[in-house]
Amino acid sequence: MTYPRIVVTGLGLVTPLGNDVGSSWGRLIEGGCGIRPIAEHPDPRVPVHVAGECLDFDPERLTEKKKLREGGRFIHLALDAADQASVHAGLDEGARDGAAVIVGVGMGSLRHLEDATRTLDARGPRRVSVYLVPAMVGNLAAGQVAIHLGCHGPNMSTTSACTSGAQAIGEAMWMLRTGRADVAIAGGVESAIDATAFAGFSQMRALSKEETPERASRPYDRERNGFVVGEAAGALVLETYEHARARGAEILAELVGYATQTDAHHIASPDPNGLGLERAITHTLRDAGLDASAIGYVNGHATSTPAGDATEAMVLAKLLPGVAVSSTKGATGHALGGAGAIEAAFSVLALRHGALPPTLHLEDPDPACAGLDMIRGESRRAQVEHVLTISSGFGGSNAGLIFKRA
């Protein structure tokens, strides 16, 4: 069966590097780092010292002050990124009307749950906010985006841990391929600078306890010791090629491949043989109709965890030997459900600008990286035709997206 081509016509970003696409991308390519000491630690008893926070983000840019309580911070981040992407794509009211909205979210607002639990214990159920549920649950990111932009098409959230954002984009592509919509706003978001998230991940020994940003998030480095929690939102406007051409939209890139596969191995640890990720990459290449040699750059998932990064590097070296690879989490931290979306946007920008972002703080690569061309320290000028970005998450979820230069 022949499917319609799917193109990217708009991008939106809110990241620890900046509150829009230009500032986020500019700082990333310049080697900037958005990881800092935590501004207001939610619970100093948890031995976590740095995070990737969107410190200058202003939710009142789009939401009046009295309505801020209707949404958790993750919702406001998603709203901003989606609004940026819609404006960037030049979507008018007619184009937005039937648009699908799919936003990946890992956890929603744990802070609202924390606050409500304290209120319930201290003051009773009648004092719990009427806005608790709509402010907390993950699908309200997509719901609020649809309300804000007037999108009456399909609306949903993907929740698959750290593959949530990538899967939202991939499933939106399939929605367009099968004719359920002509336009989709898709992406991911997370804001988990919360005591519960810190405590839970810390108890799993998943987080870095380093006190300085330069020592904390070190994807693929031999001395890595855990990930750094980041918050971020990314949104892409996807359209069928014919729809984009008919309205005269600028095409930023083409989304040519997507697949998702599962380790079926462990709730938190990757399959040591990388079976699920290997299948995800292989199926993504097959969906795109490409040989492995066509991939010029991989934006890796590597979060700076000992097992995850090594398994990923092993799989990439097996399937794509010698390919250029970097993980932008050295600059942003790990935005969990939002990671795949901001990294998809970075992949499109790498194609657009002929620049491949570096892996910050990568000084001594893990031996598993020996068969790869690791981009370290500084960005690299290179015109590539295809970029693969990969995501993996708890429960063994894996996803791949391939973008083609416009």
Protein backbone atom coordinates (compact mmCIF):
# COMPACT_ATOMS: atom_id res chain seq x y z
CA MET A 1 0.00 0.00 0.00
CA THR A 2 1.24 3.48 -0.84
CA TYR A 3 0.80 6.06 1.90
CA PRO A 4 0.81 9.85 1.54
CA ARG A 5 4.04 11.65 2.37
CA ILE A 6 4.12 13.31 5.79
CA VAL A 7 6.02 16.56 6.30
CA VAL A 8 6.96 18.83 9.18
CA THR A 9 5.82 22.45 8.82
CA GLY A 10 6.14 23.85 12.34
CA LEU A 11 8.24 23.48 15.49
CA GLY A 12 7.83 24.65 19.08
CA LEU A 13 10.21 24.23 22.00
CA VAL A 14 10.46 25.12 25.67
CA THR A 15 13.65 23.65 27.15
CA PRO A 16 16.23 24.36 29.84
CA LEU A 17 18.23 26.00 27.03
CA GLY A 18 15.55 28.52 26.09
CA ASN A 19 11.85 29.25 25.77
CA ASP A 20 11.61 28.99 21.99
CA VAL A 21 13.12 27.19 19.03
CA GLY A 22 15.75 29.81 18.20
CA SER A 23 17.22 30.15 21.67
CA SER A 24 17.07 26.41 22.44
CA TRP A 25 18.78 25.45 19.20
CA GLY A 26 21.27 28.31 19.30
CA ARG A 27 22.51 27.45 22.78
CA LEU A 28 22.60 23.72 21.98
CA ILE A 29 24.79 24.23 18.91
CA GLU A 30 27.02 26.69 20.77
CA GLY A 31 27.66 24.07 23.47
CA GLY A 32 25.46 25.69 26.11
CA CYS A 33 24.20 23.69 29.07
CA GLY A 34 20.79 24.10 30.68
CA ILE A 35 21.60 21.97 33.72
CA ARG A 36 22.04 24.03 36.90
CA PRO A 37 21.81 23.73 40.67
CA ILE A 38 18.14 23.30 41.59
CA ALA A 39 16.57 26.74 42.09
CA GLU A 40 14.08 25.73 44.80
CA HIS A 41 14.68 22.18 45.95
CA PRO A 42 11.34 20.41 46.55
CA ASP A 43 12.83 18.28 49.35
CA PRO A 44 16.50 18.73 50.38
CA ARG A 45 16.42 15.32 52.08
CA VAL A 46 16.70 13.73 48.62
CA PRO A 47 20.38 13.73 47.55
CA VAL A 48 19.79 15.28 44.12
CA HIS A 49 21.45 18.62 43.46
CA VAL A 50 21.05 19.66 39.82
CA ALA A 51 18.27 19.63 37.24
CA GLY A 52 17.37 20.90 33.79
CA GLU A 53 14.77 23.55 34.66
CA CYS A 54 12.98 26.03 32.40
CA LEU A 55 13.75 28.83 34.83
CA ASP A 56 12.57 31.79 32.75
CA PHE A 57 9.39 30.20 31.43
CA ASP A 58 6.33 32.46 31.81
CA PRO A 59 3.01 30.58 31.73
CA GLU A 60 1.14 33.89 31.65
CA ARG A 61 2.24 34.41 28.05
CA LEU A 62 -0.79 32.37 27.02
CA THR A 63 -2.84 31.84 30.19
CA GLU A 64 -4.31 34.60 32.33
CA LYS A 65 -3.25 34.45 35.95
CA LYS A 66 -6.61 33.42 37.39
CA LYS A 67 -6.70 30.36 35.10
CA LEU A 68 -3.21 29.07 35.89
CA ARG A 69 -4.63 26.79 38.60
CA GLU A 70 -6.60 24.89 35.95
CA GLY A 71 -3.42 23.23 34.68
CA GLY A 72 -0.21 21.80 36.07
CA ARG A 73 3.10 23.21 34.89
CA PHE A 74 3.45 20.45 32.30
CA ILE A 75 0.22 21.62 30.66
CA HIS A 76 1.45 25.21 30.42
CA LEU A 77 4.73 24.04 28.89
CA ALA A 78 2.85 21.94 26.33
CA LEU A 79 0.50 24.84 25.50
CA ASP A 80 3.43 27.14 24.80
CA ALA A 81 5.29 24.67 22.58
CA ALA A 82 2.14 23.83 20.62
CA ASP A 83 1.27 27.50 20.17
CA GLN A 84 4.76 28.20 18.86
CA ALA A 85 4.52 25.29 16.42
CA SER A 86 1.11 26.40 15.15
CA VAL A 87 2.33 29.96 14.57
CA HIS A 88 5.53 28.69 12.94
CA ALA A 89 3.49 26.53 10.56
CA GLY A 90 1.10 29.39 9.76
CA LEU A 91 -1.96 27.32 10.62
CA ASP A 92 -5.11 29.38 10.19
CA GLU A 93 -8.43 28.67 11.88
CA GLY A 94 -9.55 26.37 9.08
CA ALA A 95 -6.37 24.26 9.19
CA ARG A 96 -6.57 23.99 12.97
CA ASP A 97 -10.25 23.06 13.02
CA GLY A 98 -9.82 19.42 12.00
CA ALA A 99 -6.31 18.98 13.34
CA ALA A 100 -5.41 16.02 15.53
CA VAL A 101 -3.56 16.68 18.78
CA ILE A 102 -1.39 13.98 20.37
CA VAL A 103 0.84 14.86 23.32
CA GLY A 104 3.04 12.33 25.09
CA VAL A 105 3.23 12.65 28.89
CA GLY A 106 5.04 10.36 31.28
CA MET A 107 3.65 11.28 34.70
CA GLY A 108 1.50 14.42 34.66
CA SER A 109 1.66 16.70 37.69
CA LEU A 110 2.96 14.87 40.73
CA ARG A 111 3.21 18.19 42.55
CA HIS A 112 -0.56 18.60 42.43
CA LEU A 113 -0.96 15.11 43.85
CA GLU A 114 1.57 15.86 46.60
CA ASP A 115 -0.22 19.10 47.55
CA ALA A 116 -3.66 17.46 47.48
CA THR A 117 -2.50 14.60 49.70
CA ARG A 118 -1.22 17.06 52.29
CA THR A 119 -4.45 19.05 52.11
CA LEU A 120 -6.55 15.91 52.46
CA ASP A 121 -4.62 14.79 55.53
CA ALA A 122 -4.59 18.19 57.22
CA ARG A 123 -7.90 19.75 56.25
CA GLY A 124 -10.17 17.03 54.88
CA PRO A 125 -11.62 16.14 51.47
CA ARG A 126 -13.76 19.26 51.07
CA ARG A 127 -10.62 21.40 50.93
CA VAL A 128 -9.10 19.51 47.98
CA SER A 129 -9.14 21.72 44.90
CA VAL A 130 -11.86 21.20 42.31
CA TYR A 131 -9.09 21.62 39.72
CA LEU A 132 -6.95 18.76 41.06
CA VAL A 133 -7.85 16.14 38.45
CA PRO A 134 -7.79 18.36 35.31
CA ALA A 135 -4.55 19.95 36.50
CA MET A 136 -2.88 16.60 37.16
CA VAL A 137 -3.87 14.00 34.57
CA GLY A 138 -1.70 13.54 31.51
CA ASN A 139 -4.29 13.77 28.73
CA LEU A 140 -5.19 17.33 29.70
CA ALA A 141 -2.02 18.55 27.98
CA ALA A 142 -3.54 17.51 24.65
CA GLY A 143 -6.97 18.62 25.79
CA GLN A 144 -5.83 22.11 26.73
CA VAL A 145 -3.87 22.47 23.48
CA ALA A 146 -7.03 21.60 21.53
CA ILE A 147 -9.08 24.11 23.51
CA HIS A 148 -6.47 26.84 23.03
CA LEU A 149 -6.03 26.29 19.29
CA GLY A 150 -9.57 25.22 18.41
CA CYS A 151 -8.64 21.74 17.18
CA HIS A 152 -11.69 19.48 16.80
CA GLY A 153 -9.93 16.43 15.39
CA PRO A 154 -8.73 13.32 17.27
CA ASN A 155 -7.25 14.14 20.67
CA MET A 156 -5.23 11.84 22.90
CA SER A 157 -2.15 11.29 25.03
CA THR A 158 0.51 8.60 24.77
CA THR A 159 1.87 7.42 28.11
CA SER A 160 4.82 5.10 27.69
CA ALA A 161 7.45 6.56 30.02
CA CYS A 162 10.37 8.06 28.13
CA THR A 163 9.15 6.99 24.69
CA SER A 164 5.91 8.96 25.12
CA GLY A 165 6.95 11.97 23.03
CA ALA A 166 8.42 9.92 20.17
CA GLN A 167 5.40 7.64 20.07
CA ALA A 168 3.03 10.63 19.98
CA ILE A 169 4.79 11.89 16.85
CA GLY A 170 4.89 8.47 15.24
CA GLU A 171 1.25 7.68 15.95
CA ALA A 172 0.28 11.11 14.60
CA MET A 173 2.14 10.22 11.40
CA TRP A 174 0.08 7.04 11.06
CA MET A 175 -3.10 9.00 11.73
CA LEU A 176 -2.25 11.23 8.79
CA ARG A 177 -1.15 8.32 6.61
CA THR A 178 -4.50 6.59 7.09
CA GLY A 179 -6.61 9.66 6.38
CA ARG A 180 -8.01 10.38 9.83
CA ALA A 181 -6.68 13.94 9.65
CA ASP A 182 -4.68 16.15 7.31
CA VAL A 183 -2.88 18.08 10.06
CA ALA A 184 -1.59 17.00 13.47
CA ILE A 185 0.08 18.81 16.34
CA ALA A 186 2.18 16.19 18.08
CA GLY A 187 4.87 16.15 20.72
CA GLY A 188 5.64 15.52 24.35
CA VAL A 189 6.09 17.23 27.67
CA GLU A 190 7.20 16.63 31.24
CA SER A 191 7.72 18.72 34.34
CA ALA A 192 8.85 16.51 37.20
CA ILE A 193 11.01 18.75 39.39
CA ASP A 194 9.04 17.31 42.30
CA ALA A 195 9.86 15.67 45.63
CA THR A 196 8.02 12.45 44.78
CA ALA A 197 9.73 12.05 41.41
CA PHE A 198 13.14 12.80 42.91
CA ALA A 199 12.58 10.35 45.77
CA GLY A 200 11.24 7.59 43.54
CA PHE A 201 13.99 7.78 40.92
CA SER A 202 16.62 8.19 43.63
CA GLN A 203 15.46 5.04 45.39
CA MET A 204 15.84 3.23 42.08
CA ARG A 205 19.43 4.53 41.95
CA ALA A 206 18.63 6.06 38.57
CA LEU A 207 19.66 9.66 39.33
CA SER A 208 23.07 11.26 39.41
CA LYS A 209 24.01 12.64 42.81
CA GLU A 210 26.75 14.89 41.44
CA GLU A 211 26.67 18.45 42.74
CA THR A 212 28.14 20.17 39.68
CA PRO A 213 26.39 20.23 36.30
CA GLU A 214 29.57 19.29 34.42
CA ARG A 215 29.81 16.02 36.34
CA ALA A 216 26.13 15.11 36.35
CA SER A 217 24.70 14.39 32.89
CA ARG A 218 27.40 12.60 30.87
CA PRO A 219 25.79 10.43 28.19
CA TYR A 220 27.99 7.58 26.92
CA ASP A 221 30.85 8.57 29.25
CA ARG A 222 32.65 5.82 31.13
CA GLU A 223 32.15 7.69 34.43
CA ARG A 224 28.39 8.36 34.05
CA ASN A 225 26.38 7.53 37.16
CA GLY A 226 22.73 8.35 36.51
CA PHE A 227 20.48 10.78 34.73
CA VAL A 228 19.54 14.37 35.54
CA VAL A 229 15.83 15.20 35.66
CA GLY A 230 14.86 17.83 33.10
CA GLU A 231 11.62 19.51 32.17
CA ALA A 232 10.72 20.46 28.61
CA ALA A 233 8.05 20.51 25.92
CA GLY A 234 8.38 19.97 22.19
CA ALA A 235 5.74 20.14 19.46
CA LEU A 236 5.76 19.44 15.73
CA VAL A 237 3.12 20.31 13.17
CA LEU A 238 2.78 17.37 10.78
CA GLU A 239 0.79 17.48 7.56
CA THR A 240 0.27 15.41 4.49
CA TYR A 241 2.48 16.73 1.72
CA GLU A 242 -0.52 17.57 -0.46
CA HIS A 243 -2.20 19.56 2.32
CA ALA A 244 0.98 21.49 3.08
CA ARG A 245 1.58 22.22 -0.61
CA ALA A 246 -2.02 23.33 -1.17
CA ARG A 247 -1.77 25.99 1.51
CA GLY A 248 1.73 27.07 0.54
CA ALA A 249 3.41 26.00 3.77
CA GLU A 250 7.17 25.88 4.13
CA ILE A 251 8.31 22.28 4.51
CA LEU A 252 11.00 21.89 7.16
CA ALA A 253 11.61 18.15 6.78
CA GLU A 254 9.84 14.94 5.87
CA LEU A 255 8.98 12.27 8.42
CA VAL A 256 9.62 9.03 6.55
CA GLY A 257 9.86 6.29 9.17
CA TYR A 258 8.52 5.25 12.56
CA ALA A 259 8.35 2.05 14.56
CA THR A 260 7.99 1.00 18.17
CA GLN A 261 9.00 -2.34 19.69
CA THR A 262 9.30 -3.77 23.20
CA ASP A 263 12.05 -5.53 25.13
CA ALA A 264 9.56 -7.64 27.15
CA HIS A 265 12.42 -8.11 29.59
CA HIS A 266 12.21 -5.99 32.77
CA ILE A 267 10.19 -3.12 34.23
CA ALA A 268 13.17 -0.75 34.37
CA SER A 269 16.36 -2.32 32.96
CA PRO A 270 17.00 -2.66 29.22
CA ASP A 271 17.39 -6.04 27.61
CA PRO A 272 21.17 -6.57 27.85
CA ASN A 273 21.14 -7.78 24.25
CA GLY A 274 19.22 -4.71 23.12
CA LEU A 275 16.59 -6.83 21.38
CA GLY A 276 13.72 -4.34 21.55
CA LEU A 277 15.82 -1.35 20.47
CA GLU A 278 17.40 -3.35 17.65
CA ARG A 279 13.95 -4.31 16.38
CA ALA A 280 12.68 -0.74 16.72
CA ILE A 281 15.55 0.62 14.62
CA THR A 282 15.26 -2.17 12.05
CA HIS A 283 11.52 -1.67 11.69
CA THR A 284 11.93 2.12 11.46
CA LEU A 285 14.40 1.69 8.59
CA ARG A 286 12.01 -0.74 6.93
CA ASP A 287 9.10 1.68 7.31
CA ALA A 288 11.22 4.40 5.70
CA GLY A 289 12.37 2.08 2.92
CA LEU A 290 16.02 2.81 3.75
CA ASP A 291 19.23 0.88 4.19
CA ALA A 292 21.23 1.52 7.34
CA SER A 293 23.88 3.32 5.27
CA ALA A 294 21.37 6.12 4.51
CA ILE A 295 21.42 7.38 8.11
CA GLY A 296 23.87 10.26 8.48
CA TYR A 297 23.31 11.08 12.13
CA VAL A 298 21.64 9.53 15.19
CA ASN A 299 20.24 11.63 18.00
CA GLY A 300 20.59 9.04 20.74
CA HIS A 301 18.39 8.43 23.71
CA ALA A 302 21.36 7.97 26.06
CA THR A 303 20.35 9.37 29.44
CA SER A 304 23.67 8.90 31.29
CA THR A 305 22.72 5.64 33.02
CA PRO A 306 25.33 2.84 33.12
CA ALA A 307 23.28 0.03 31.56
CA GLY A 308 21.12 2.03 29.18
CA ASP A 309 23.87 3.94 27.39
CA ALA A 310 26.07 0.89 26.91
CA THR A 311 23.24 -1.22 25.50
CA GLU A 312 22.21 1.57 23.14
CA ALA A 313 25.76 2.09 21.89
CA MET A 314 26.17 -1.65 21.33
CA VAL A 315 22.99 -1.79 19.22
CA LEU A 316 23.90 1.31 17.20
CA ALA A 317 27.41 0.00 16.50
CA LYS A 318 25.91 -3.31 15.32
CA LEU A 319 23.24 -1.83 13.05
CA LEU A 320 24.82 1.48 11.98
CA PRO A 321 28.60 1.04 12.26
CA GLY A 322 30.55 4.29 12.04
CA VAL A 323 27.48 6.53 12.16
CA ALA A 324 27.75 9.98 13.79
CA VAL A 325 26.00 9.92 17.19
CA SER A 326 25.31 12.37 19.99
CA SER A 327 22.94 12.67 22.94
CA THR A 328 21.60 16.14 23.64
CA LYS A 329 20.71 15.15 27.20
CA GLY A 330 24.14 16.36 28.26
CA ALA A 331 22.73 19.84 27.65
CA THR A 332 19.08 19.43 28.67
CA GLY A 333 18.95 16.60 31.17
CA HIS A 334 16.33 13.91 30.67
CA ALA A 335 12.84 15.32 30.11
CA LEU A 336 11.22 11.89 30.40
CA GLY A 337 7.94 12.02 28.43
CA GLY A 338 9.09 15.18 26.68
CA ALA A 339 12.52 13.91 25.65
CA GLY A 340 11.54 12.24 22.38
CA ALA A 341 9.69 15.34 21.21
CA ILE A 342 12.44 17.87 21.83
CA GLU A 343 14.97 15.48 20.29
CA ALA A 344 12.75 15.08 17.22
CA ALA A 345 12.73 18.87 16.90
CA PHE A 346 16.52 18.95 17.30
CA SER A 347 16.77 16.30 14.56
CA VAL A 348 14.72 18.43 12.16
CA LEU A 349 16.87 21.44 12.99
CA ALA A 350 20.06 19.44 12.40
CA LEU A 351 18.81 18.70 8.87
CA ARG A 352 17.73 22.28 8.28
CA HIS A 353 20.92 23.94 9.46
CA GLY A 354 23.53 21.36 8.53
CA ALA A 355 24.75 21.19 12.12
CA LEU A 356 24.99 18.15 14.38
CA PRO A 357 24.80 18.93 18.12
CA PRO A 358 27.45 17.61 20.51
CA THR A 359 27.29 15.36 23.53
CA LEU A 360 28.37 17.60 26.38
CA HIS A 361 30.68 16.30 29.10
CA LEU A 362 31.68 13.23 27.09
CA GLU A 363 35.37 12.90 27.95
CA ASP A 364 36.04 9.16 28.11
CA PRO A 365 33.57 7.22 25.93
CA ASP A 366 32.30 3.86 27.10
CA PRO A 367 34.06 0.98 25.29
CA ALA A 368 30.70 0.10 23.69
CA CYS A 369 31.01 3.34 21.66
CA ALA A 370 34.15 2.13 19.89
CA GLY A 371 32.33 1.38 16.63
CA LEU A 372 30.61 4.78 16.47
CA ASP A 373 31.59 8.31 15.44
CA MET A 374 30.84 10.15 18.68
CA ILE A 375 30.28 13.91 18.40
CA ARG A 376 32.02 15.33 21.45
CA GLY A 377 32.58 18.80 22.85
CA GLU A 378 31.59 20.93 19.87
CA SER A 379 28.89 20.75 17.21
CA ARG A 380 29.82 19.54 13.75
CA ARG A 381 28.96 21.10 10.39
CA ALA A 382 27.56 18.39 8.14
CA GLN A 383 24.81 18.11 5.55
CA VAL A 384 23.08 14.77 6.02
CA GLU A 385 20.01 13.45 4.24
CA HIS A 386 18.45 11.35 7.00
CA VAL A 387 18.46 11.56 10.79
CA LEU A 388 17.35 8.81 13.14
CA THR A 389 16.25 9.70 16.66
CA ILE A 390 15.58 6.95 19.19
CA SER A 391 13.80 6.72 22.52
CA SER A 392 13.55 4.03 25.19
CA GLY A 393 11.55 3.84 28.39
CA PHE A 394 10.58 1.87 31.47
CA GLY A 395 8.66 -1.27 30.67
CA GLY A 396 11.01 -1.96 27.76
CA SER A 397 9.43 0.46 25.30
CA ASN A 398 11.54 1.57 22.31
CA ALA A 399 10.77 3.87 19.38
CA GLY A 400 12.52 5.28 16.34
CA LEU A 401 11.76 8.22 14.03
CA ILE A 402 13.53 9.01 10.76
CA PHE A 403 13.44 12.49 9.26
CA LYS A 404 14.56 13.34 5.73
CA ARG A 405 16.02 16.67 4.65
CA ALA A 406 13.49 18.79 2.78
